[in-house]
PDB file of N, CA and C in Angstrom:
ATOM      1  N   MET A   1       0.197 -14.889  -5.321  1.00  0.00           N
ATOM      2  CA  MET A   1      -1.100 -15.205  -5.872  1.00  0.00           C
ATOM      3  C   MET A   1      -1.603 -16.556  -5.371  1.00  0.00           C
ATOM      4  N   VAL A   2      -0.721 -17.509  -5.355  1.00  0.00           N
ATOM      5  CA  VAL A   2      -1.132 -18.864  -4.984  1.00  0.00           C
ATOM      6  C   VAL A   2      -1.580 -18.910  -3.530  1.00  0.00           C
ATOM      7  N   ARG A   3      -0.788 -18.316  -2.630  1.00  0.00           N
ATOM      8  CA  ARG A   3      -1.147 -18.339  -1.205  1.00  0.00           C
ATOM      9  C   ARG A   3      -2.474 -17.632  -0.955  1.00  0.00           C
ATOM     10  N   ALA A   4      -2.648 -16.473  -1.580  1.00  0.00           N
ATOM     11  CA  ALA A   4      -3.886 -15.715  -1.386  1.00  0.00           C
ATOM     12  C   ALA A   4      -5.077 -16.497  -1.919  1.00  0.00           C
ATOM     13  N   LEU A   5      -4.945 -17.083  -3.106  1.00  0.00           N
ATOM     14  CA  LEU A   5      -6.026 -17.870  -3.695  1.00  0.00           C
ATOM     15  C   LEU A   5      -6.358 -19.073  -2.818  1.00  0.00           C
ATOM     16  N   ALA A   6      -5.332 -19.760  -2.332  1.00  0.00           N
ATOM     17  CA  ALA A   6      -5.557 -20.917  -1.460  1.00  0.00           C
ATOM     18  C   ALA A   6      -6.307 -20.503  -0.192  1.00  0.00           C
ATOM     19  N   LYS A   7      -5.907 -19.397   0.406  1.00  0.00           N
ATOM     20  CA  LYS A   7      -6.539 -18.947   1.650  1.00  0.00           C
ATOM     21  C   LYS A   7      -8.009 -18.620   1.440  1.00  0.00           C
ATOM     22  N   VAL A   8      -8.322 -17.840   0.412  1.00  0.00           N
ATOM     23  CA  VAL A   8      -9.708 -17.375   0.256  1.00  0.00           C
ATOM     24  C   VAL A   8     -10.634 -18.415  -0.361  1.00  0.00           C
ATOM     25  N   THR A   9     -10.075 -19.486  -0.923  1.00  0.00           N
ATOM     26  CA  THR A   9     -10.908 -20.570  -1.463  1.00  0.00           C
ATOM     27  C   THR A   9     -10.884 -21.807  -0.577  1.00  0.00           C
ATOM     28  N   ASN A  10     -10.211 -21.699   0.572  1.00  0.00           N
ATOM     29  CA  ASN A  10     -10.122 -22.821   1.521  1.00  0.00           C
ATOM     30  C   ASN A  10      -9.596 -24.091   0.860  1.00  0.00           C
ATOM     31  N   THR A  11      -8.549 -23.930   0.059  1.00  0.00           N
ATOM     32  CA  THR A  11      -7.904 -25.084  -0.571  1.00  0.00           C
ATOM     33  C   THR A  11      -6.439 -25.109  -0.162  1.00  0.00           C
ATOM     34  N   ASP A  12      -5.759 -26.154  -0.549  1.00  0.00           N
ATOM     35  CA  ASP A  12      -4.329 -26.200  -0.284  1.00  0.00           C
ATOM     36  C   ASP A  12      -3.572 -25.483  -1.410  1.00  0.00           C
ATOM     37  N   TRP A  13      -2.301 -25.254  -1.173  1.00  0.00           N
ATOM     38  CA  TRP A  13      -1.449 -24.527  -2.120  1.00  0.00           C
ATOM     39  C   TRP A  13      -1.442 -25.210  -3.479  1.00  0.00           C
ATOM     40  N   GLU A  14      -1.333 -26.529  -3.487  1.00  0.00           N
ATOM     41  CA  GLU A  14      -1.252 -27.275  -4.743  1.00  0.00           C
ATOM     42  C   GLU A  14      -2.507 -27.094  -5.596  1.00  0.00           C
ATOM     43  N   THR A  15      -3.673 -27.151  -4.965  1.00  0.00           N
ATOM     44  CA  THR A  15      -4.934 -26.982  -5.694  1.00  0.00           C
ATOM     45  C   THR A  15      -5.033 -25.580  -6.276  1.00  0.00           C
ATOM     46  N   ALA A  16      -4.680 -24.580  -5.486  1.00  0.00           N
ATOM     47  CA  ALA A  16      -4.705 -23.197  -5.967  1.00  0.00           C
ATOM     48  C   ALA A  16      -3.744 -23.020  -7.137  1.00  0.00           C
ATOM     49  N   TYR A  17      -2.566 -23.592  -7.027  1.00  0.00           N
ATOM     50  CA  TYR A  17      -1.568 -23.490  -8.096  1.00  0.00           C
ATOM     51  C   TYR A  17      -2.077 -24.133  -9.384  1.00  0.00           C
ATOM     52  N   ILE A  18      -2.653 -25.313  -9.273  1.00  0.00           N
ATOM     53  CA  ILE A  18      -3.181 -26.004 -10.457  1.00  0.00           C
ATOM     54  C   ILE A  18      -4.295 -25.197 -11.103  1.00  0.00           C
ATOM     55  N   ARG A  19      -5.153 -24.569 -10.303  1.00  0.00           N
ATOM     56  CA  ARG A  19      -6.210 -23.720 -10.870  1.00  0.00           C
ATOM     57  C   ARG A  19      -5.606 -22.596 -11.701  1.00  0.00           C
ATOM     58  N   LEU A  20      -4.575 -21.953 -11.185  1.00  0.00           N
ATOM     59  CA  LEU A  20      -3.924 -20.878 -11.924  1.00  0.00           C
ATOM     60  C   LEU A  20      -3.244 -21.399 -13.190  1.00  0.00           C
ATOM     61  N   VAL A  21      -2.560 -22.531 -13.068  1.00  0.00           N
ATOM     62  CA  VAL A  21      -1.880 -23.117 -14.220  1.00  0.00           C
ATOM     63  C   VAL A  21      -2.885 -23.498 -15.306  1.00  0.00           C
ATOM     64  N   MET A  22      -3.956 -24.144 -14.938  1.00  0.00           N
ATOM     65  CA  MET A  22      -4.948 -24.575 -15.929  1.00  0.00           C
ATOM     66  C   MET A  22      -5.631 -23.383 -16.593  1.00  0.00           C
ATOM     67  N   ASN A  23      -5.978 -22.372 -15.820  1.00  0.00           N
ATOM     68  CA  ASN A  23      -6.578 -21.177 -16.418  1.00  0.00           C
ATOM     69  C   ASN A  23      -5.584 -20.461 -17.319  1.00  0.00           C
ATOM     70  N   GLY A  24      -4.339 -20.369 -16.888  1.00  0.00           N
ATOM     71  CA  GLY A  24      -3.305 -19.762 -17.720  1.00  0.00           C
ATOM     72  C   GLY A  24      -3.107 -20.538 -19.007  1.00  0.00           C
ATOM     73  N   PHE A  25      -3.079 -21.857 -18.915  1.00  0.00           N
ATOM     74  CA  PHE A  25      -2.930 -22.698 -20.108  1.00  0.00           C
ATOM     75  C   PHE A  25      -4.087 -22.465 -21.074  1.00  0.00           C
ATOM     76  N   ALA A  26      -5.315 -22.460 -20.558  1.00  0.00           N
ATOM     77  CA  ALA A  26      -6.496 -22.259 -21.399  1.00  0.00           C
ATOM     78  C   ALA A  26      -6.488 -20.877 -22.060  1.00  0.00           C
ATOM     79  N   MET A  27      -5.907 -19.890 -21.380  1.00  0.00           N
ATOM     80  CA  MET A  27      -5.882 -18.533 -21.907  1.00  0.00           C
ATOM     81  C   MET A  27      -4.622 -18.239 -22.720  1.00  0.00           C
ATOM     82  N   GLY A  28      -3.666 -19.160 -22.710  1.00  0.00           N
ATOM     83  CA  GLY A  28      -2.402 -18.931 -23.397  1.00  0.00           C
ATOM     84  C   GLY A  28      -1.522 -17.934 -22.657  1.00  0.00           C
ATOM     85  N   LEU A  29      -1.647 -17.912 -21.328  1.00  0.00           N
ATOM     86  CA  LEU A  29      -0.901 -16.980 -20.488  1.00  0.00           C
ATOM     87  C   LEU A  29      -0.192 -17.723 -19.366  1.00  0.00           C
ATOM     88  N   MET A  30       0.766 -17.059 -18.743  1.00  0.00           N
ATOM     89  CA  MET A  30       1.449 -17.638 -17.592  1.00  0.00           C
ATOM     90  C   MET A  30       0.503 -17.657 -16.388  1.00  0.00           C
ATOM     91  N   PRO A  31       0.711 -18.574 -15.451  1.00  0.00           N
ATOM     92  CA  PRO A  31      -0.174 -18.651 -14.289  1.00  0.00           C
ATOM     93  C   PRO A  31      -0.126 -17.408 -13.405  1.00  0.00           C
ATOM     94  N   ASN A  32       0.980 -16.666 -13.427  1.00  0.00           N
ATOM     95  CA  ASN A  32       1.084 -15.475 -12.585  1.00  0.00           C
ATOM     96  C   ASN A  32       0.709 -14.188 -13.319  1.00  0.00           C
ATOM     97  N   ASN A  33       0.153 -14.303 -14.516  1.00  0.00           N
ATOM     98  CA  ASN A  33      -0.323 -13.137 -15.254  1.00  0.00           C
ATOM     99  C   ASN A  33      -1.563 -12.577 -14.560  1.00  0.00           C
ATOM    100  N   SER A  34      -1.704 -11.263 -14.527  1.00  0.00           N
ATOM    101  CA  SER A  34      -2.849 -10.679 -13.829  1.00  0.00           C
ATOM    102  C   SER A  34      -4.174 -11.072 -14.472  1.00  0.00           C
ATOM    103  N   ALA A  35      -4.203 -11.267 -15.795  1.00  0.00           N
ATOM    104  CA  ALA A  35      -5.442 -11.711 -16.451  1.00  0.00           C
ATOM    105  C   ALA A  35      -5.792 -13.137 -16.027  1.00  0.00           C
ATOM    106  N   THR A  36      -4.797 -13.977 -15.869  1.00  0.00           N
ATOM    107  CA  THR A  36      -5.029 -15.343 -15.393  1.00  0.00           C
ATOM    108  C   THR A  36      -5.582 -15.322 -13.973  1.00  0.00           C
ATOM    109  N   PHE A  37      -4.954 -14.511 -13.110  1.00  0.00           N
ATOM    110  CA  PHE A  37      -5.422 -14.408 -11.730  1.00  0.00           C
ATOM    111  C   PHE A  37      -6.852 -13.873 -11.691  1.00  0.00           C
ATOM    112  N   SER A  38      -7.133 -12.841 -12.487  1.00  0.00           N
ATOM    113  CA  SER A  38      -8.479 -12.265 -12.525  1.00  0.00           C
ATOM    114  C   SER A  38      -9.512 -13.297 -12.948  1.00  0.00           C
ATOM    115  N   ALA A  39      -9.223 -14.052 -13.989  1.00  0.00           N
ATOM    116  CA  ALA A  39     -10.158 -15.079 -14.461  1.00  0.00           C
ATOM    117  C   ALA A  39     -10.373 -16.145 -13.391  1.00  0.00           C
ATOM    118  N   THR A  40      -9.311 -16.520 -12.702  1.00  0.00           N
ATOM    119  CA  THR A  40      -9.414 -17.532 -11.653  1.00  0.00           C
ATOM    120  C   THR A  40     -10.253 -17.020 -10.486  1.00  0.00           C
ATOM    121  N   MET A  41     -10.055 -15.776 -10.114  1.00  0.00           N
ATOM    122  CA  MET A  41     -10.851 -15.203  -9.031  1.00  0.00           C
ATOM    123  C   MET A  41     -12.331 -15.157  -9.424  1.00  0.00           C
ATOM    124  N   ARG A  42     -12.629 -14.731 -10.646  1.00  0.00           N
ATOM    125  CA  ARG A  42     -14.031 -14.684 -11.096  1.00  0.00           C
ATOM    126  C   ARG A  42     -14.641 -16.081 -11.102  1.00  0.00           C
ATOM    127  N   LYS A  43     -13.882 -17.074 -11.547  1.00  0.00           N
ATOM    128  CA  LYS A  43     -14.388 -18.453 -11.566  1.00  0.00           C
ATOM    129  C   LYS A  43     -14.667 -18.972 -10.152  1.00  0.00           C
ATOM    130  N   ASN A  44     -14.048 -18.351  -9.171  1.00  0.00           N
ATOM    131  CA  ASN A  44     -14.257 -18.755  -7.775  1.00  0.00           C
ATOM    132  C   ASN A  44     -15.219 -17.824  -7.048  1.00  0.00           C
ATOM    133  N   GLY A  45     -15.999 -17.059  -7.804  1.00  0.00           N
ATOM    134  CA  GLY A  45     -17.075 -16.273  -7.223  1.00  0.00           C
ATOM    135  C   GLY A  45     -16.696 -14.901  -6.693  1.00  0.00           C
ATOM    136  N   PHE A  46     -15.555 -14.359  -7.104  1.00  0.00           N
ATOM    137  CA  PHE A  46     -15.109 -13.058  -6.624  1.00  0.00           C
ATOM    138  C   PHE A  46     -15.360 -11.971  -7.658  1.00  0.00           C
ATOM    139  N   TYR A  47     -15.559 -10.769  -7.149  1.00  0.00           N
ATOM    140  CA  TYR A  47     -15.734  -9.565  -7.960  1.00  0.00           C
ATOM    141  C   TYR A  47     -14.584  -8.617  -7.661  1.00  0.00           C
ATOM    142  N   ARG A  48     -14.200  -7.812  -8.642  1.00  0.00           N
ATOM    143  CA  ARG A  48     -13.099  -6.874  -8.439  1.00  0.00           C
ATOM    144  C   ARG A  48     -13.619  -5.445  -8.416  1.00  0.00           C
ATOM    145  N   LYS A  49     -12.995  -4.671  -7.542  1.00  0.00           N
ATOM    146  CA  LYS A  49     -13.365  -3.270  -7.406  1.00  0.00           C
ATOM    147  C   LYS A  49     -12.096  -2.465  -7.143  1.00  0.00           C
ATOM    148  N   ALA A  50     -12.007  -1.288  -7.743  1.00  0.00           N
ATOM    149  CA  ALA A  50     -10.864  -0.416  -7.487  1.00  0.00           C
ATOM    150  C   ALA A  50     -10.968   0.179  -6.088  1.00  0.00           C
ATOM    151  N   ILE A  51      -9.826   0.341  -5.447  1.00  0.00           N
ATOM    152  CA  ILE A  51      -9.766   1.039  -4.169  1.00  0.00           C
ATOM    153  C   ILE A  51      -9.863   2.539  -4.495  1.00  0.00           C
ATOM    154  N   PRO A  52     -10.698   3.300  -3.801  1.00  0.00           N
ATOM    155  CA  PRO A  52     -10.817   4.733  -4.089  1.00  0.00           C
ATOM    156  C   PRO A  52      -9.460   5.428  -4.082  1.00  0.00           C
ATOM    157  N   ASN A  53      -9.284   6.337  -5.004  1.00  0.00           N
ATOM    158  CA  ASN A  53      -8.005   7.006  -5.207  1.00  0.00           C
ATOM    159  C   ASN A  53      -7.932   8.358  -4.507  1.00  0.00           C
ATOM    160  N   THR A  54      -8.734   8.570  -3.470  1.00  0.00           N
ATOM    161  CA  THR A  54      -8.741   9.863  -2.799  1.00  0.00           C
ATOM    162  C   THR A  54      -7.496  10.079  -1.946  1.00  0.00           C
ATOM    163  N   CYS A  55      -6.835   9.020  -1.599  1.00  0.00           N
ATOM    164  CA  CYS A  55      -5.586   9.110  -0.829  1.00  0.00           C
ATOM    165  C   CYS A  55      -4.660   8.035  -1.374  1.00  0.00           C
ATOM    166  N   PRO A  56      -4.134   8.213  -2.563  1.00  0.00           N
ATOM    167  CA  PRO A  56      -3.442   7.119  -3.248  1.00  0.00           C
ATOM    168  C   PRO A  56      -2.171   6.613  -2.574  1.00  0.00           C
ATOM    169  N   ASP A  57      -1.535   7.424  -1.745  1.00  0.00           N
ATOM    170  CA  ASP A  57      -0.278   6.993  -1.142  1.00  0.00           C
ATOM    171  C   ASP A  57      -0.351   6.788   0.357  1.00  0.00           C
ATOM    172  N   CYS A  58      -1.567   6.708   0.883  1.00  0.00           N
ATOM    173  CA  CYS A  58      -1.630   6.580   2.342  1.00  0.00           C
ATOM    174  C   CYS A  58      -2.578   5.481   2.820  1.00  0.00           C
ATOM    175  N   TYR A  59      -3.430   4.927   1.984  1.00  0.00           N
ATOM    176  CA  TYR A  59      -4.354   3.883   2.414  1.00  0.00           C
ATOM    177  C   TYR A  59      -3.682   2.534   2.199  1.00  0.00           C
ATOM    178  N   THR A  60      -3.380   1.840   3.274  1.00  0.00           N
ATOM    179  CA  THR A  60      -2.574   0.629   3.235  1.00  0.00           C
ATOM    180  C   THR A  60      -3.409  -0.636   3.418  1.00  0.00           C
ATOM    181  N   VAL A  61      -2.759  -1.773   3.256  1.00  0.00           N
ATOM    182  CA  VAL A  61      -3.391  -3.060   3.536  1.00  0.00           C
ATOM    183  C   VAL A  61      -3.859  -3.094   4.994  1.00  0.00           C
ATOM    184  N   ALA A  62      -3.053  -2.584   5.907  1.00  0.00           N
ATOM    185  CA  ALA A  62      -3.441  -2.546   7.324  1.00  0.00           C
ATOM    186  C   ALA A  62      -4.695  -1.700   7.530  1.00  0.00           C
ATOM    187  N   ASP A  63      -4.783  -0.567   6.834  1.00  0.00           N
ATOM    188  CA  ASP A  63      -5.978   0.277   6.928  1.00  0.00           C
ATOM    189  C   ASP A  63      -7.201  -0.477   6.416  1.00  0.00           C
ATOM    190  N   PHE A  64      -7.040  -1.161   5.288  1.00  0.00           N
ATOM    191  CA  PHE A  64      -8.157  -1.928   4.731  1.00  0.00           C
ATOM    192  C   PHE A  64      -8.605  -3.004   5.714  1.00  0.00           C
ATOM    193  N   ALA A  65      -7.655  -3.732   6.279  1.00  0.00           N
ATOM    194  CA  ALA A  65      -7.990  -4.804   7.228  1.00  0.00           C
ATOM    195  C   ALA A  65      -8.733  -4.246   8.438  1.00  0.00           C
ATOM    196  N   GLU A  66      -8.306  -3.090   8.913  1.00  0.00           N
ATOM    197  CA  GLU A  66      -8.976  -2.469  10.055  1.00  0.00           C
ATOM    198  C   GLU A  66     -10.388  -2.010   9.693  1.00  0.00           C
ATOM    199  N   ASP A  67     -10.555  -1.491   8.488  1.00  0.00           N
ATOM    200  CA  ASP A  67     -11.865  -1.016   8.038  1.00  0.00           C
ATOM    201  C   ASP A  67     -12.830  -2.144   7.685  1.00  0.00           C
ATOM    202  N   ASN A  68     -12.312  -3.353   7.515  1.00  0.00           N
ATOM    203  CA  ASN A  68     -13.129  -4.495   7.088  1.00  0.00           C
ATOM    204  C   ASN A  68     -12.894  -5.679   8.012  1.00  0.00           C
ATOM    205  N   PRO A  69     -13.434  -5.628   9.238  1.00  0.00           N
ATOM    206  CA  PRO A  69     -13.185  -6.681  10.220  1.00  0.00           C
ATOM    207  C   PRO A  69     -13.916  -7.991   9.924  1.00  0.00           C
ATOM    208  N   GLU A  70     -14.807  -7.973   8.944  1.00  0.00           N
ATOM    209  CA  GLU A  70     -15.504  -9.194   8.546  1.00  0.00           C
ATOM    210  C   GLU A  70     -15.467  -9.308   7.031  1.00  0.00           C
ATOM    211  N   GLY A  71     -15.339 -10.525   6.551  1.00  0.00           N
ATOM    212  CA  GLY A  71     -15.352 -10.770   5.111  1.00  0.00           C
ATOM    213  C   GLY A  71     -14.059 -11.384   4.613  1.00  0.00           C
ATOM    214  N   THR A  72     -14.099 -11.829   3.368  1.00  0.00           N
ATOM    215  CA  THR A  72     -12.971 -12.485   2.722  1.00  0.00           C
ATOM    216  C   THR A  72     -12.571 -11.681   1.500  1.00  0.00           C
ATOM    217  N   TYR A  73     -11.309 -11.225   1.473  1.00  0.00           N
ATOM    218  CA  TYR A  73     -10.833 -10.327   0.435  1.00  0.00           C
ATOM    219  C   TYR A  73      -9.452 -10.727  -0.057  1.00  0.00           C
ATOM    220  N   VAL A  74      -9.158 -10.315  -1.279  1.00  0.00           N
ATOM    221  CA  VAL A  74      -7.797 -10.345  -1.796  1.00  0.00           C
ATOM    222  C   VAL A  74      -7.500  -8.939  -2.277  1.00  0.00           C
ATOM    223  N   LEU A  75      -6.414  -8.371  -1.779  1.00  0.00           N
ATOM    224  CA  LEU A  75      -5.986  -7.040  -2.194  1.00  0.00           C
ATOM    225  C   LEU A  75      -4.842  -7.172  -3.183  1.00  0.00           C
ATOM    226  N   ALA A  76      -4.876  -6.350  -4.226  1.00  0.00           N
ATOM    227  CA  ALA A  76      -3.826  -6.373  -5.240  1.00  0.00           C
ATOM    228  C   ALA A  76      -3.133  -5.023  -5.292  1.00  0.00           C
ATOM    229  N   SER A  77      -1.805  -5.054  -5.287  1.00  0.00           N
ATOM    230  CA  SER A  77      -1.007  -3.846  -5.477  1.00  0.00           C
ATOM    231  C   SER A  77      -0.381  -3.941  -6.871  1.00  0.00           C
ATOM    232  N   ASN A  78       0.604  -3.126  -7.134  1.00  0.00           N
ATOM    233  CA  ASN A  78       1.262  -3.173  -8.442  1.00  0.00           C
ATOM    234  C   ASN A  78       1.870  -4.533  -8.756  1.00  0.00           C
ATOM    235  N   ASN A  79       2.405  -5.207  -7.753  1.00  0.00           N
ATOM    236  CA  ASN A  79       3.122  -6.452  -8.023  1.00  0.00           C
ATOM    237  C   ASN A  79       2.931  -7.511  -6.936  1.00  0.00           C
ATOM    238  N   HIS A  80       1.838  -7.429  -6.189  1.00  0.00           N
ATOM    239  CA  HIS A  80       1.645  -8.381  -5.105  1.00  0.00           C
ATOM    240  C   HIS A  80       0.160  -8.526  -4.794  1.00  0.00           C
ATOM    241  N   VAL A  81      -0.226  -9.678  -4.301  1.00  0.00           N
ATOM    242  CA  VAL A  81      -1.582  -9.876  -3.802  1.00  0.00           C
ATOM    243  C   VAL A  81      -1.497 -10.445  -2.389  1.00  0.00           C
ATOM    244  N   VAL A  82      -2.498 -10.111  -1.572  1.00  0.00           N
ATOM    245  CA  VAL A  82      -2.514 -10.537  -0.189  1.00  0.00           C
ATOM    246  C   VAL A  82      -3.958 -10.829   0.214  1.00  0.00           C
ATOM    247  N   ALA A  83      -4.149 -11.855   1.009  1.00  0.00           N
ATOM    248  CA  ALA A  83      -5.480 -12.201   1.505  1.00  0.00           C
ATOM    249  C   ALA A  83      -5.743 -11.470   2.821  1.00  0.00           C
ATOM    250  N   VAL A  84      -6.983 -11.004   2.969  1.00  0.00           N
ATOM    251  CA  VAL A  84      -7.448 -10.423   4.227  1.00  0.00           C
ATOM    252  C   VAL A  84      -8.757 -11.127   4.553  1.00  0.00           C
ATOM    253  N   VAL A  85      -8.770 -11.849   5.669  1.00  0.00           N
ATOM    254  CA  VAL A  85      -9.956 -12.598   6.080  1.00  0.00           C
ATOM    255  C   VAL A  85     -10.330 -12.167   7.487  1.00  0.00           C
ATOM    256  N   ASP A  86     -11.540 -11.651   7.608  1.00  0.00           N
ATOM    257  CA  ASP A  86     -12.060 -11.178   8.897  1.00  0.00           C
ATOM    258  C   ASP A  86     -11.079 -10.248   9.608  1.00  0.00           C
ATOM    259  N   GLY A  87     -10.501  -9.327   8.840  1.00  0.00           N
ATOM    260  CA  GLY A  87      -9.605  -8.326   9.396  1.00  0.00           C
ATOM    261  C   GLY A  87      -8.181  -8.781   9.630  1.00  0.00           C
ATOM    262  N   ASP A  88      -7.883 -10.054   9.373  1.00  0.00           N
ATOM    263  CA  ASP A  88      -6.523 -10.579   9.547  1.00  0.00           C
ATOM    264  C   ASP A  88      -5.828 -10.661   8.193  1.00  0.00           C
ATOM    265  N   ILE A  89      -4.566 -10.236   8.148  1.00  0.00           N
ATOM    266  CA  ILE A  89      -3.761 -10.240   6.924  1.00  0.00           C
ATOM    267  C   ILE A  89      -3.007 -11.558   6.838  1.00  0.00           C
ATOM    268  N   TYR A  90      -3.133 -12.226   5.694  1.00  0.00           N
ATOM    269  CA  TYR A  90      -2.429 -13.500   5.463  1.00  0.00           C
ATOM    270  C   TYR A  90      -1.469 -13.314   4.300  1.00  0.00           C
ATOM    271  N   ASP A  91      -0.194 -13.396   4.605  1.00  0.00           N
ATOM    272  CA  ASP A  91       0.838 -13.204   3.595  1.00  0.00           C
ATOM    273  C   ASP A  91       2.117 -13.880   4.066  1.00  0.00           C
ATOM    274  N   MET A  92       3.078 -13.998   3.160  1.00  0.00           N
ATOM    275  CA  MET A  92       4.341 -14.631   3.514  1.00  0.00           C
ATOM    276  C   MET A  92       5.306 -13.652   4.176  1.00  0.00           C
ATOM    277  N   TYR A  93       4.979 -12.359   4.146  1.00  0.00           N
ATOM    278  CA  TYR A  93       5.770 -11.345   4.838  1.00  0.00           C
ATOM    279  C   TYR A  93       4.820 -10.248   5.315  1.00  0.00           C
ATOM    280  N   ASP A  94       5.326  -9.290   6.053  1.00  0.00           N
ATOM    281  CA  ASP A  94       4.490  -8.210   6.572  1.00  0.00           C
ATOM    282  C   ASP A  94       4.204  -7.208   5.456  1.00  0.00           C
ATOM    283  N   SER A  95       3.047  -7.362   4.824  1.00  0.00           N
ATOM    284  CA  SER A  95       2.662  -6.477   3.725  1.00  0.00           C
ATOM    285  C   SER A  95       1.667  -5.413   4.182  1.00  0.00           C
ATOM    286  N   SER A  96       1.603  -5.183   5.475  1.00  0.00           N
ATOM    287  CA  SER A  96       0.618  -4.244   6.011  1.00  0.00           C
ATOM    288  C   SER A  96       0.798  -2.825   5.491  1.00  0.00           C
ATOM    289  N   SER A  97       1.994  -2.442   5.066  1.00  0.00           N
ATOM    290  CA  SER A  97       2.235  -1.082   4.571  1.00  0.00           C
ATOM    291  C   SER A  97       2.093  -0.957   3.054  1.00  0.00           C
ATOM    292  N   VAL A  98       1.763  -2.059   2.379  1.00  0.00           N
ATOM    293  CA  VAL A  98       1.576  -2.031   0.924  1.00  0.00           C
ATOM    294  C   VAL A  98       0.327  -1.211   0.591  1.00  0.00           C
ATOM    295  N   ILE A  99       0.377  -0.473  -0.521  1.00  0.00           N
ATOM    296  CA  ILE A  99      -0.746   0.336  -0.979  1.00  0.00           C
ATOM    297  C   ILE A  99      -1.556  -0.488  -1.978  1.00  0.00           C
ATOM    298  N   PRO A 100      -2.775  -0.906  -1.623  1.00  0.00           N
ATOM    299  CA  PRO A 100      -3.573  -1.713  -2.558  1.00  0.00           C
ATOM    300  C   PRO A 100      -4.244  -0.847  -3.616  1.00  0.00           C
ATOM    301  N   LEU A 101      -4.402  -1.435  -4.817  1.00  0.00           N
ATOM    302  CA  LEU A 101      -5.075  -0.759  -5.924  1.00  0.00           C
ATOM    303  C   LEU A 101      -6.474  -1.322  -6.163  1.00  0.00           C
ATOM    304  N   PHE A 102      -6.613  -2.641  -5.956  1.00  0.00           N
ATOM    305  CA  PHE A 102      -7.874  -3.340  -6.196  1.00  0.00           C
ATOM    306  C   PHE A 102      -8.198  -4.246  -5.028  1.00  0.00           C
ATOM    307  N   VAL A 103      -9.469  -4.546  -4.884  1.00  0.00           N
ATOM    308  CA  VAL A 103      -9.914  -5.531  -3.912  1.00  0.00           C
ATOM    309  C   VAL A 103     -10.805  -6.533  -4.632  1.00  0.00           C
ATOM    310  N   TRP A 104     -10.595  -7.800  -4.351  1.00  0.00           N
ATOM    311  CA  TRP A 104     -11.466  -8.878  -4.806  1.00  0.00           C
ATOM    312  C   TRP A 104     -12.325  -9.287  -3.626  1.00  0.00           C
ATOM    313  N   TYR A 105     -13.624  -9.458  -3.839  1.00  0.00           N
ATOM    314  CA  TYR A 105     -14.543  -9.791  -2.758  1.00  0.00           C
ATOM    315  C   TYR A 105     -15.658 -10.672  -3.304  1.00  0.00           C
ATOM    316  N   ARG A 106     -16.326 -11.371  -2.399  1.00  0.00           N
ATOM    317  CA  ARG A 106     -17.485 -12.182  -2.767  1.00  0.00           C
ATOM    318  C   ARG A 106     -18.752 -11.373  -2.537  1.00  0.00           C
ATOM    319  N   GLU A 107     -19.804 -11.741  -3.248  1.00  0.00           N
ATOM    320  CA  GLU A 107     -21.086 -11.082  -3.053  1.00  0.00           C
ATOM    321  C   GLU A 107     -21.469 -11.169  -1.581  1.00  0.00           C
ATOM    322  N   GLY A 108     -21.898 -10.074  -1.031  1.00  0.00           N
ATOM    323  CA  GLY A 108     -22.238 -10.016   0.388  1.00  0.00           C
ATOM    324  C   GLY A 108     -21.080  -9.545   1.253  1.00  0.00           C
ATOM    325  N   ASP A 109     -19.866  -9.558   0.709  1.00  0.00           N
ATOM    326  CA  ASP A 109     -18.679  -9.102   1.438  1.00  0.00           C
ATOM    327  C   ASP A 109     -18.137  -7.796   0.864  1.00  0.00           C
ATOM    328  N   GLU A 110     -18.987  -7.027   0.173  1.00  0.00           N
ATOM    329  CA  GLU A 110     -18.480  -5.800  -0.439  1.00  0.00           C
ATOM    330  C   GLU A 110     -17.784  -4.962   0.625  1.00  0.00           C
ATOM    331  N   PRO A 111     -16.571  -4.493   0.317  1.00  0.00           N
ATOM    332  CA  PRO A 111     -15.800  -3.771   1.317  1.00  0.00           C
ATOM    333  C   PRO A 111     -16.453  -2.455   1.719  1.00  0.00           C
ATOM    334  N   MET A 112     -16.216  -2.089   2.965  1.00  0.00           N
ATOM    335  CA  MET A 112     -16.728  -0.822   3.474  1.00  0.00           C
ATOM    336  C   MET A 112     -15.897   0.302   2.883  1.00  0.00           C
ATOM    337  N   GLU A 113     -16.529   1.412   2.619  1.00  0.00           N
ATOM    338  CA  GLU A 113     -15.828   2.579   2.126  1.00  0.00           C
ATOM    339  C   GLU A 113     -16.242   3.774   2.946  1.00  0.00           C
ATOM    340  N   ASP A 114     -15.270   4.488   3.437  1.00  0.00           N
ATOM    341  CA  ASP A 114     -15.528   5.734   4.131  1.00  0.00           C
ATOM    342  C   ASP A 114     -14.636   6.780   3.478  1.00  0.00           C
ATOM    343  N   GLU A 115     -15.182   7.475   2.496  1.00  0.00           N
ATOM    344  CA  GLU A 115     -14.399   8.439   1.711  1.00  0.00           C
ATOM    345  C   GLU A 115     -13.709   9.468   2.602  1.00  0.00           C
ATOM    346  N   ASP A 116     -14.308   9.808   3.740  1.00  0.00           N
ATOM    347  CA  ASP A 116     -13.703  10.797   4.615  1.00  0.00           C
ATOM    348  C   ASP A 116     -12.421  10.292   5.262  1.00  0.00           C
ATOM    349  N   GLU A 117     -12.306   8.986   5.420  1.00  0.00           N
ATOM    350  CA  GLU A 117     -11.126   8.423   6.080  1.00  0.00           C
ATOM    351  C   GLU A 117     -10.030   8.070   5.099  1.00  0.00           C
ATOM    352  N   LEU A 118     -10.359   7.956   3.820  1.00  0.00           N
ATOM    353  CA  LEU A 118      -9.347   7.553   2.845  1.00  0.00           C
ATOM    354  C   LEU A 118      -8.485   8.683   2.456  1.00  0.00           C
TER     355      LEU A 118
END
């Protein structure tokens, strides 16, 4: 969460971490709680959208990055988040095969959807 937040907000790791900690403290939750992360993303101008469920086990982070060569996104899976900026995946390991459930995006960067390809 911290790395993805830092990447998409153009801040350093420490600043991103403090944002999560402070929001978690204000909400009475841990900084890595999904509600804390969601509130932090919204406070930084992001909107959340579900990834279409037409192909739930085959649409990967790599597919999303290829389908969205421009824009700033954070993809969330069951237990991980990853930043995708201008089609490049930013993570601490190769998460290209992870199946995303949600995408966070800024206004004007709404992800492309091609139901026929999903």
